[in-house]
Amino acid sequence: IDVATVHKFQGREKDAIVMSTVDDT
């Protein structure tokens, strides 16, 4: 699966996007 930072995904698109936010707070 294509995995990248949000910055590197700018200008791109996918049918489905999953975002992991990482931070506890």
mmCIF file of all heavy atoms, coordinates in Angstrom:
data_MODEL
# 
_entry.id   MODEL 
# 
loop_
_atom_site.group_PDB 
_atom_site.id 
_atom_site.type_symbol 
_atom_site.label_atom_id 
_atom_site.label_alt_id 
_atom_site.label_comp_id 
_atom_site.label_asym_id 
_atom_site.label_entity_id 
_atom_site.label_seq_id 
_atom_site.pdbx_PDB_ins_code 
_atom_site.Cartn_x 
_atom_site.Cartn_y 
_atom_site.Cartn_z 
_atom_site.occupancy 
_atom_site.B_iso_or_equiv 
_atom_site.pdbx_formal_charge 
_atom_site.auth_seq_id 
_atom_site.auth_comp_id 
_atom_site.auth_asym_id 
_atom_site.auth_atom_id 
_atom_site.pdbx_PDB_model_num 
ATOM 1   N N   . ILE A 1 1  ? 0.846   -1.187 0.000  1.00 0.00 ? 1  ILE A N   1 
ATOM 2   C CA  . ILE A 1 1  ? 0.000   0.000  0.000  1.00 0.00 ? 1  ILE A CA  1 
ATOM 3   C C   . ILE A 1 1  ? 0.882   1.237  0.000  1.00 0.00 ? 1  ILE A C   1 
ATOM 4   O O   . ILE A 1 1  ? 1.944   1.265  0.630  1.00 0.00 ? 1  ILE A O   1 
ATOM 5   C CB  . ILE A 1 1  ? -0.932  -0.010 1.230  1.00 0.00 ? 1  ILE A CB  1 
ATOM 6   C CG1 . ILE A 1 1  ? -1.980  -1.117 1.067  1.00 0.00 ? 1  ILE A CG1 1 
ATOM 7   C CG2 . ILE A 1 1  ? -1.630  1.329  1.426  1.00 0.00 ? 1  ILE A CG2 1 
ATOM 8   C CD1 . ILE A 1 1  ? -2.942  -1.233 2.214  1.00 0.00 ? 1  ILE A CD1 1 
ATOM 9   N N   . ASP A 1 2  ? 0.453   2.252  -0.706 1.00 0.00 ? 2  ASP A N   1 
ATOM 10  C CA  . ASP A 1 2  ? 1.190   3.509  -0.796 1.00 0.00 ? 2  ASP A CA  1 
ATOM 11  C C   . ASP A 1 2  ? 1.138   4.224  0.553  1.00 0.00 ? 2  ASP A C   1 
ATOM 12  O O   . ASP A 1 2  ? 0.065   4.585  1.035  1.00 0.00 ? 2  ASP A O   1 
ATOM 13  C CB  . ASP A 1 2  ? 0.548   4.377  -1.881 1.00 0.00 ? 2  ASP A CB  1 
ATOM 14  C CG  . ASP A 1 2  ? 1.488   5.451  -2.390 1.00 0.00 ? 2  ASP A CG  1 
ATOM 15  O OD1 . ASP A 1 2  ? 2.555   5.635  -1.788 1.00 0.00 ? 2  ASP A OD1 1 
ATOM 16  O OD2 . ASP A 1 2  ? 1.138   6.095  -3.399 1.00 0.00 ? 2  ASP A OD2 1 
ATOM 17  N N   . VAL A 1 3  ? 2.303   4.422  1.174  1.00 0.00 ? 3  VAL A N   1 
ATOM 18  C CA  . VAL A 1 3  ? 2.400   5.091  2.472  1.00 0.00 ? 3  VAL A CA  1 
ATOM 19  C C   . VAL A 1 3  ? 3.310   6.303  2.318  1.00 0.00 ? 3  VAL A C   1 
ATOM 20  O O   . VAL A 1 3  ? 4.406   6.202  1.756  1.00 0.00 ? 3  VAL A O   1 
ATOM 21  C CB  . VAL A 1 3  ? 2.968   4.150  3.553  1.00 0.00 ? 3  VAL A CB  1 
ATOM 22  C CG1 . VAL A 1 3  ? 3.014   4.861  4.911  1.00 0.00 ? 3  VAL A CG1 1 
ATOM 23  C CG2 . VAL A 1 3  ? 2.159   2.865  3.646  1.00 0.00 ? 3  VAL A CG2 1 
ATOM 24  N N   . ALA A 1 4  ? 2.875   7.454  2.823  1.00 0.00 ? 4  ALA A N   1 
ATOM 25  C CA  . ALA A 1 4  ? 3.685   8.673  2.686  1.00 0.00 ? 4  ALA A CA  1 
ATOM 26  C C   . ALA A 1 4  ? 3.243   9.693  3.731  1.00 0.00 ? 4  ALA A C   1 
ATOM 27  O O   . ALA A 1 4  ? 2.201   9.548  4.365  1.00 0.00 ? 4  ALA A O   1 
ATOM 28  C CB  . ALA A 1 4  ? 3.537   9.260  1.284  1.00 0.00 ? 4  ALA A CB  1 
ATOM 29  N N   . THR A 1 5  ? 4.059   10.729 3.887  1.00 0.00 ? 5  THR A N   1 
ATOM 30  C CA  . THR A 1 5  ? 3.640   11.842 4.732  1.00 0.00 ? 5  THR A CA  1 
ATOM 31  C C   . THR A 1 5  ? 2.541   12.630 4.017  1.00 0.00 ? 5  THR A C   1 
ATOM 32  O O   . THR A 1 5  ? 2.389   12.546 2.796  1.00 0.00 ? 5  THR A O   1 
ATOM 33  C CB  . THR A 1 5  ? 4.807   12.790 5.037  1.00 0.00 ? 5  THR A CB  1 
ATOM 34  O OG1 . THR A 1 5  ? 5.298   13.343 3.801  1.00 0.00 ? 5  THR A OG1 1 
ATOM 35  C CG2 . THR A 1 5  ? 5.936   12.069 5.764  1.00 0.00 ? 5  THR A CG2 1 
ATOM 36  N N   . VAL A 1 6  ? 1.804   13.407 4.787  1.00 0.00 ? 6  VAL A N   1 
ATOM 37  C CA  . VAL A 1 6  ? 0.768   14.259 4.197  1.00 0.00 ? 6  VAL A CA  1 
ATOM 38  C C   . VAL A 1 6  ? 1.403   15.225 3.204  1.00 0.00 ? 6  VAL A C   1 
ATOM 39  O O   . VAL A 1 6  ? 0.854   15.476 2.118  1.00 0.00 ? 6  VAL A O   1 
ATOM 40  C CB  . VAL A 1 6  ? 0.013   15.033 5.299  1.00 0.00 ? 6  VAL A CB  1 
ATOM 41  C CG1 . VAL A 1 6  ? -1.058  15.924 4.682  1.00 0.00 ? 6  VAL A CG1 1 
ATOM 42  C CG2 . VAL A 1 6  ? -0.608  14.075 6.311  1.00 0.00 ? 6  VAL A CG2 1 
ATOM 43  N N   . HIS A 1 7  ? 2.574   15.755 3.550  1.00 0.00 ? 7  HIS A N   1 
ATOM 44  C CA  . HIS A 1 7  ? 3.257   16.693 2.654  1.00 0.00 ? 7  HIS A CA  1 
ATOM 45  C C   . HIS A 1 7  ? 3.542   16.062 1.290  1.00 0.00 ? 7  HIS A C   1 
ATOM 46  O O   . HIS A 1 7  ? 3.337   16.696 0.243  1.00 0.00 ? 7  HIS A O   1 
ATOM 47  C CB  . HIS A 1 7  ? 4.572   17.166 3.283  1.00 0.00 ? 7  HIS A CB  1 
ATOM 48  C CG  . HIS A 1 7  ? 4.400   18.143 4.410  1.00 0.00 ? 7  HIS A CG  1 
ATOM 49  N ND1 . HIS A 1 7  ? 3.967   17.754 5.662  1.00 0.00 ? 7  HIS A ND1 1 
ATOM 50  C CD2 . HIS A 1 7  ? 4.591   19.485 4.465  1.00 0.00 ? 7  HIS A CD2 1 
ATOM 51  C CE1 . HIS A 1 7  ? 3.905   18.822 6.448  1.00 0.00 ? 7  HIS A CE1 1 
ATOM 52  N NE2 . HIS A 1 7  ? 4.283   19.884 5.752  1.00 0.00 ? 7  HIS A NE2 1 
ATOM 53  N N   . LYS A 1 8  ? 4.013   14.821 1.291  1.00 0.00 ? 8  LYS A N   1 
ATOM 54  C CA  . LYS A 1 8  ? 4.365   14.162 0.028  1.00 0.00 ? 8  LYS A CA  1 
ATOM 55  C C   . LYS A 1 8  ? 3.136   13.732 -0.761 1.00 0.00 ? 8  LYS A C   1 
ATOM 56  O O   . LYS A 1 8  ? 3.226   13.477 -1.965 1.00 0.00 ? 8  LYS A O   1 
ATOM 57  C CB  . LYS A 1 8  ? 5.279   12.971 0.299  1.00 0.00 ? 8  LYS A CB  1 
ATOM 58  C CG  . LYS A 1 8  ? 6.668   13.380 0.760  1.00 0.00 ? 8  LYS A CG  1 
ATOM 59  C CD  . LYS A 1 8  ? 7.576   12.180 0.955  1.00 0.00 ? 8  LYS A CD  1 
ATOM 60  C CE  . LYS A 1 8  ? 8.965   12.634 1.407  1.00 0.00 ? 8  LYS A CE  1 
ATOM 61  N NZ  . LYS A 1 8  ? 9.871   11.483 1.683  1.00 0.00 ? 8  LYS A NZ  1 
ATOM 62  N N   . PHE A 1 9  ? 1.978   13.642 -0.089 1.00 0.00 ? 9  PHE A N   1 
ATOM 63  C CA  . PHE A 1 9  ? 0.760   13.236 -0.787 1.00 0.00 ? 9  PHE A CA  1 
ATOM 64  C C   . PHE A 1 9  ? 0.011   14.426 -1.382 1.00 0.00 ? 9  PHE A C   1 
ATOM 65  O O   . PHE A 1 9  ? -0.978  14.250 -2.090 1.00 0.00 ? 9  PHE A O   1 
ATOM 66  C CB  . PHE A 1 9  ? -0.170  12.465 0.158  1.00 0.00 ? 9  PHE A CB  1 
ATOM 67  C CG  . PHE A 1 9  ? -0.618  11.131 -0.389 1.00 0.00 ? 9  PHE A CG  1 
ATOM 68  C CD1 . PHE A 1 9  ? 0.104   9.979  -0.128 1.00 0.00 ? 9  PHE A CD1 1 
ATOM 69  C CD2 . PHE A 1 9  ? -1.747  11.040 -1.175 1.00 0.00 ? 9  PHE A CD2 1 
ATOM 70  C CE1 . PHE A 1 9  ? -0.307  8.757  -0.644 1.00 0.00 ? 9  PHE A CE1 1 
ATOM 71  C CE2 . PHE A 1 9  ? -2.169  9.831  -1.685 1.00 0.00 ? 9  PHE A CE2 1 
ATOM 72  C CZ  . PHE A 1 9  ? -1.450  8.681  -1.420 1.00 0.00 ? 9  PHE A CZ  1 
ATOM 73  N N   . GLN A 1 10 ? 0.443   15.640 -1.079 1.00 0.00 ? 10 GLN A N   1 
ATOM 74  C CA  . GLN A 1 10 ? -0.233  16.811 -1.644 1.00 0.00 ? 10 GLN A CA  1 
ATOM 75  C C   . GLN A 1 10 ? -0.168  16.757 -3.168 1.00 0.00 ? 10 GLN A C   1 
ATOM 76  O O   . GLN A 1 10 ? 0.871   16.465 -3.758 1.00 0.00 ? 10 GLN A O   1 
ATOM 77  C CB  . GLN A 1 10 ? 0.405   18.108 -1.143 1.00 0.00 ? 10 GLN A CB  1 
ATOM 78  C CG  . GLN A 1 10 ? -0.298  19.362 -1.644 1.00 0.00 ? 10 GLN A CG  1 
ATOM 79  C CD  . GLN A 1 10 ? -0.032  20.575 -0.770 1.00 0.00 ? 10 GLN A CD  1 
ATOM 80  O OE1 . GLN A 1 10 ? -0.140  20.483 0.435  1.00 0.00 ? 10 GLN A OE1 1 
ATOM 81  N NE2 . GLN A 1 10 ? 0.319   21.699 -1.379 1.00 0.00 ? 10 GLN A NE2 1 
ATOM 82  N N   . GLY A 1 11 ? -1.298  17.036 -3.809 1.00 0.00 ? 11 GLY A N   1 
ATOM 83  C CA  . GLY A 1 11 ? -1.378  16.958 -5.264 1.00 0.00 ? 11 GLY A CA  1 
ATOM 84  C C   . GLY A 1 11 ? -1.785  15.593 -5.778 1.00 0.00 ? 11 GLY A C   1 
ATOM 85  O O   . GLY A 1 11 ? -2.011  15.415 -6.974 1.00 0.00 ? 11 GLY A O   1 
ATOM 86  N N   . ARG A 1 12 ? -1.906  14.598 -4.867 1.00 0.00 ? 12 ARG A N   1 
ATOM 87  C CA  . ARG A 1 12 ? -2.283  13.237 -5.271 1.00 0.00 ? 12 ARG A CA  1 
ATOM 88  C C   . ARG A 1 12 ? -3.666  12.900 -4.724 1.00 0.00 ? 12 ARG A C   1 
ATOM 89  O O   . ARG A 1 12 ? -4.262  13.659 -3.965 1.00 0.00 ? 12 ARG A O   1 
ATOM 90  C CB  . ARG A 1 12 ? -1.246  12.234 -4.751 1.00 0.00 ? 12 ARG A CB  1 
ATOM 91  C CG  . ARG A 1 12 ? 0.161   12.505 -5.229 1.00 0.00 ? 12 ARG A CG  1 
ATOM 92  C CD  . ARG A 1 12 ? 1.151   11.549 -4.586 1.00 0.00 ? 12 ARG A CD  1 
ATOM 93  N NE  . ARG A 1 12 ? 0.791   10.172 -4.878 1.00 0.00 ? 12 ARG A NE  1 
ATOM 94  C CZ  . ARG A 1 12 ? 1.295   9.115  -4.240 1.00 0.00 ? 12 ARG A CZ  1 
ATOM 95  N NH1 . ARG A 1 12 ? 2.160   9.298  -3.255 1.00 0.00 ? 12 ARG A NH1 1 
ATOM 96  N NH2 . ARG A 1 12 ? 0.931   7.884  -4.563 1.00 0.00 ? 12 ARG A NH2 1 
ATOM 97  N N   . GLU A 1 13 ? -4.164  11.727 -5.097 1.00 0.00 ? 13 GLU A N   1 
ATOM 98  C CA  . GLU A 1 13 ? -5.476  11.286 -4.636 1.00 0.00 ? 13 GLU A CA  1 
ATOM 99  C C   . GLU A 1 13 ? -5.548  9.769  -4.656 1.00 0.00 ? 13 GLU A C   1 
ATOM 100 O O   . GLU A 1 13 ? -4.801  9.094  -5.364 1.00 0.00 ? 13 GLU A O   1 
ATOM 101 C CB  . GLU A 1 13 ? -6.586  11.857 -5.522 1.00 0.00 ? 13 GLU A CB  1 
ATOM 102 C CG  . GLU A 1 13 ? -6.486  11.407 -6.970 1.00 0.00 ? 13 GLU A CG  1 
ATOM 103 C CD  . GLU A 1 13 ? -7.520  12.052 -7.868 1.00 0.00 ? 13 GLU A CD  1 
ATOM 104 O OE1 . GLU A 1 13 ? -7.853  13.241 -7.661 1.00 0.00 ? 13 GLU A OE1 1 
ATOM 105 O OE2 . GLU A 1 13 ? -8.002  11.366 -8.799 1.00 0.00 ? 13 GLU A OE2 1 
ATOM 106 N N   . LYS A 1 14 ? -6.436  9.214  -3.837 1.00 0.00 ? 14 LYS A N   1 
ATOM 107 C CA  . LYS A 1 14 ? -6.745  7.781  -3.819 1.00 0.00 ? 14 LYS A CA  1 
ATOM 108 C C   . LYS A 1 14 ? -8.229  7.623  -3.524 1.00 0.00 ? 14 LYS A C   1 
ATOM 109 O O   . LYS A 1 14 ? -8.865  8.500  -2.934 1.00 0.00 ? 14 LYS A O   1 
ATOM 110 C CB  . LYS A 1 14 ? -5.936  7.055  -2.734 1.00 0.00 ? 14 LYS A CB  1 
ATOM 111 C CG  . LYS A 1 14 ? -4.440  6.964  -2.995 1.00 0.00 ? 14 LYS A CG  1 
ATOM 112 C CD  . LYS A 1 14 ? -4.100  5.889  -4.005 1.00 0.00 ? 14 LYS A CD  1 
ATOM 113 C CE  . LYS A 1 14 ? -2.586  5.704  -4.135 1.00 0.00 ? 14 LYS A CE  1 
ATOM 114 N NZ  . LYS A 1 14 ? -2.237  4.643  -5.110 1.00 0.00 ? 14 LYS A NZ  1 
ATOM 115 N N   . ASP A 1 15 ? -8.799  6.483  -3.893 1.00 0.00 ? 15 ASP A N   1 
ATOM 116 C CA  . ASP A 1 15 ? -10.192 6.221  -3.541 1.00 0.00 ? 15 ASP A CA  1 
ATOM 117 C C   . ASP A 1 15 ? -10.371 6.241  -2.030 1.00 0.00 ? 15 ASP A C   1 
ATOM 118 O O   . ASP A 1 15 ? -11.350 6.796  -1.514 1.00 0.00 ? 15 ASP A O   1 
ATOM 119 C CB  . ASP A 1 15 ? -10.638 4.858  -4.090 1.00 0.00 ? 15 ASP A CB  1 
ATOM 120 C CG  . ASP A 1 15 ? -10.999 4.919  -5.564 1.00 0.00 ? 15 ASP A CG  1 
ATOM 121 O OD1 . ASP A 1 15 ? -11.192 6.040  -6.076 1.00 0.00 ? 15 ASP A OD1 1 
ATOM 122 O OD2 . ASP A 1 15 ? -11.076 3.856  -6.207 1.00 0.00 ? 15 ASP A OD2 1 
ATOM 123 N N   . ALA A 1 16 ? -9.446  5.613  -1.325 1.00 0.00 ? 16 ALA A N   1 
ATOM 124 C CA  . ALA A 1 16 ? -9.529  5.548  0.134  1.00 0.00 ? 16 ALA A CA  1 
ATOM 125 C C   . ALA A 1 16 ? -8.233  6.059  0.750  1.00 0.00 ? 16 ALA A C   1 
ATOM 126 O O   . ALA A 1 16 ? -7.142  5.713  0.300  1.00 0.00 ? 16 ALA A O   1 
ATOM 127 C CB  . ALA A 1 16 ? -9.786  4.113  0.594  1.00 0.00 ? 16 ALA A CB  1 
ATOM 128 N N   . ILE A 1 17 ? -8.363  6.884  1.764  1.00 0.00 ? 17 ILE A N   1 
ATOM 129 C CA  . ILE A 1 17 ? -7.213  7.420  2.492  1.00 0.00 ? 17 ILE A CA  1 
ATOM 130 C C   . ILE A 1 17 ? -7.396  7.113  3.978  1.00 0.00 ? 17 ILE A C   1 
ATOM 131 O O   . ILE A 1 17 ? -8.464  7.346  4.551  1.00 0.00 ? 17 ILE A O   1 
ATOM 132 C CB  . ILE A 1 17 ? -7.074  8.939  2.304  1.00 0.00 ? 17 ILE A CB  1 
ATOM 133 C CG1 . ILE A 1 17 ? -6.591  9.260  0.883  1.00 0.00 ? 17 ILE A CG1 1 
ATOM 134 C CG2 . ILE A 1 17 ? -6.122  9.536  3.332  1.00 0.00 ? 17 ILE A CG2 1 
ATOM 135 C CD1 . ILE A 1 17 ? -5.146  8.889  0.608  1.00 0.00 ? 17 ILE A CD1 1 
ATOM 136 N N   . VAL A 1 18 ? -6.328  6.579  4.587  1.00 0.00 ? 18 VAL A N   1 
ATOM 137 C CA  . VAL A 1 18 ? -6.289  6.351  6.033  1.00 0.00 ? 18 VAL A CA  1 
ATOM 138 C C   . VAL A 1 18 ? -5.223  7.275  6.597  1.00 0.00 ? 18 VAL A C   1 
ATOM 139 O O   . VAL A 1 18 ? -4.089  7.286  6.111  1.00 0.00 ? 18 VAL A O   1 
ATOM 140 C CB  . VAL A 1 18 ? -5.956  4.888  6.361  1.00 0.00 ? 18 VAL A CB  1 
ATOM 141 C CG1 . VAL A 1 18 ? -5.903  4.680  7.880  1.00 0.00 ? 18 VAL A CG1 1 
ATOM 142 C CG2 . VAL A 1 18 ? -6.959  3.943  5.712  1.00 0.00 ? 18 VAL A CG2 1 
ATOM 143 N N   . MET A 1 19 ? -5.571  8.037  7.634  1.00 0.00 ? 19 MET A N   1 
ATOM 144 C CA  . MET A 1 19 ? -4.618  8.954  8.248  1.00 0.00 ? 19 MET A CA  1 
ATOM 145 C C   . MET A 1 19 ? -4.322  8.536  9.680  1.00 0.00 ? 19 MET A C   1 
ATOM 146 O O   . MET A 1 19 ? -5.229  8.448  10.507 1.00 0.00 ? 19 MET A O   1 
ATOM 147 C CB  . MET A 1 19 ? -5.158  10.389 8.249  1.00 0.00 ? 19 MET A CB  1 
ATOM 148 C CG  . MET A 1 19 ? -4.174  11.387 8.878  1.00 0.00 ? 19 MET A CG  1 
ATOM 149 S SD  . MET A 1 19 ? -4.851  13.051 9.005  1.00 0.00 ? 19 MET A SD  1 
ATOM 150 C CE  . MET A 1 19 ? -3.458  13.938 9.716  1.00 0.00 ? 19 MET A CE  1 
ATOM 151 N N   . SER A 1 20 ? -3.055  8.276  9.966  1.00 0.00 ? 20 SER A N   1 
ATOM 152 C CA  . SER A 1 20 ? -2.595  7.995  11.324 1.00 0.00 ? 20 SER A CA  1 
ATOM 153 C C   . SER A 1 20 ? -2.028  9.283  11.912 1.00 0.00 ? 20 SER A C   1 
ATOM 154 O O   . SER A 1 20 ? -1.064  9.844  11.387 1.00 0.00 ? 20 SER A O   1 
ATOM 155 C CB  . SER A 1 20 ? -1.515  6.902  11.306 1.00 0.00 ? 20 SER A CB  1 
ATOM 156 O OG  . SER A 1 20 ? -0.852  6.812  12.545 1.00 0.00 ? 20 SER A OG  1 
ATOM 157 N N   . THR A 1 21 ? -2.622  9.758  13.021 1.00 0.00 ? 21 THR A N   1 
ATOM 158 C CA  . THR A 1 21 ? -2.214  11.042 13.595 1.00 0.00 ? 21 THR A CA  1 
ATOM 159 C C   . THR A 1 21 ? -1.008  10.939 14.527 1.00 0.00 ? 21 THR A C   1 
ATOM 160 O O   . THR A 1 21 ? -0.337  11.927 14.794 1.00 0.00 ? 21 THR A O   1 
ATOM 161 C CB  . THR A 1 21 ? -3.377  11.679 14.370 1.00 0.00 ? 21 THR A CB  1 
ATOM 162 O OG1 . THR A 1 21 ? -3.852  10.743 15.340 1.00 0.00 ? 21 THR A OG1 1 
ATOM 163 C CG2 . THR A 1 21 ? -4.511  12.044 13.426 1.00 0.00 ? 21 THR A CG2 1 
ATOM 164 N N   . VAL A 1 22 ? -0.746  9.743  15.072 1.00 0.00 ? 22 VAL A N   1 
ATOM 165 C CA  . VAL A 1 22 ? 0.431   9.395  15.890 1.00 0.00 ? 22 VAL A CA  1 
ATOM 166 C C   . VAL A 1 22 ? 0.372   9.931  17.323 1.00 0.00 ? 22 VAL A C   1 
ATOM 167 O O   . VAL A 1 22 ? 0.550   9.174  18.280 1.00 0.00 ? 22 VAL A O   1 
ATOM 168 C CB  . VAL A 1 22 ? 1.756   9.850  15.222 1.00 0.00 ? 22 VAL A CB  1 
ATOM 169 C CG1 . VAL A 1 22 ? 2.960   9.484  16.108 1.00 0.00 ? 22 VAL A CG1 1 
ATOM 170 C CG2 . VAL A 1 22 ? 1.909   9.230  13.834 1.00 0.00 ? 22 VAL A CG2 1 
ATOM 171 N N   . ASP A 1 23 ? 0.156   11.221 17.518 1.00 0.00 ? 23 ASP A N   1 
ATOM 172 C CA  . ASP A 1 23 ? 0.299   11.846 18.837 1.00 0.00 ? 23 ASP A CA  1 
ATOM 173 C C   . ASP A 1 23 ? -0.721  11.325 19.851 1.00 0.00 ? 23 ASP A C   1 
ATOM 174 O O   . ASP A 1 23 ? -1.899  11.156 19.533 1.00 0.00 ? 23 ASP A O   1 
ATOM 175 C CB  . ASP A 1 23 ? 0.130   13.361 18.742 1.00 0.00 ? 23 ASP A CB  1 
ATOM 176 C CG  . ASP A 1 23 ? 1.217   14.038 17.929 1.00 0.00 ? 23 ASP A CG  1 
ATOM 177 O OD1 . ASP A 1 23 ? 2.292   13.442 17.770 1.00 0.00 ? 23 ASP A OD1 1 
ATOM 178 O OD2 . ASP A 1 23 ? 0.986   15.174 17.468 1.00 0.00 ? 23 ASP A OD2 1 
ATOM 179 N N   . ASP A 1 24 ? -0.265  11.105 21.100 1.00 0.00 ? 24 ASP A N   1 
ATOM 180 C CA  . ASP A 1 24 ? -1.192  10.808 22.195 1.00 0.00 ? 24 ASP A CA  1 
ATOM 181 C C   . ASP A 1 24 ? -2.015  12.045 22.539 1.00 0.00 ? 24 ASP A C   1 
ATOM 182 O O   . ASP A 1 24 ? -3.224  11.974 22.736 1.00 0.00 ? 24 ASP A O   1 
ATOM 183 C CB  . ASP A 1 24 ? -0.422  10.342 23.438 1.00 0.00 ? 24 ASP A CB  1 
ATOM 184 C CG  . ASP A 1 24 ? 0.278   9.009  23.228 1.00 0.00 ? 24 ASP A CG  1 
ATOM 185 O OD1 . ASP A 1 24 ? -0.292  8.144  22.547 1.00 0.00 ? 24 ASP A OD1 1 
ATOM 186 O OD2 . ASP A 1 24 ? 1.400   8.847  23.741 1.00 0.00 ? 24 ASP A OD2 1 
ATOM 187 N N   . THR A 1 25 ? -1.338  13.175 22.647 1.00 0.00 ? 25 THR A N   1 
ATOM 188 C CA  . THR A 1 25 ? -1.995  14.474 22.778 1.00 0.00 ? 25 THR A CA  1 
ATOM 189 C C   . THR A 1 25 ? -1.660  15.257 21.514 1.00 0.00 ? 25 THR A C   1 
ATOM 190 O O   . THR A 1 25 ? -0.486  15.521 21.242 1.00 0.00 ? 25 THR A O   1 
ATOM 191 C CB  . THR A 1 25 ? -1.491  15.235 24.015 1.00 0.00 ? 25 THR A CB  1 
ATOM 192 O OG1 . THR A 1 25 ? -1.793  14.467 25.191 1.00 0.00 ? 25 THR A OG1 1 
ATOM 193 C CG2 . THR A 1 25 ? -2.157  16.596 24.122 1.00 0.00 ? 25 THR A CG2 1 
# 
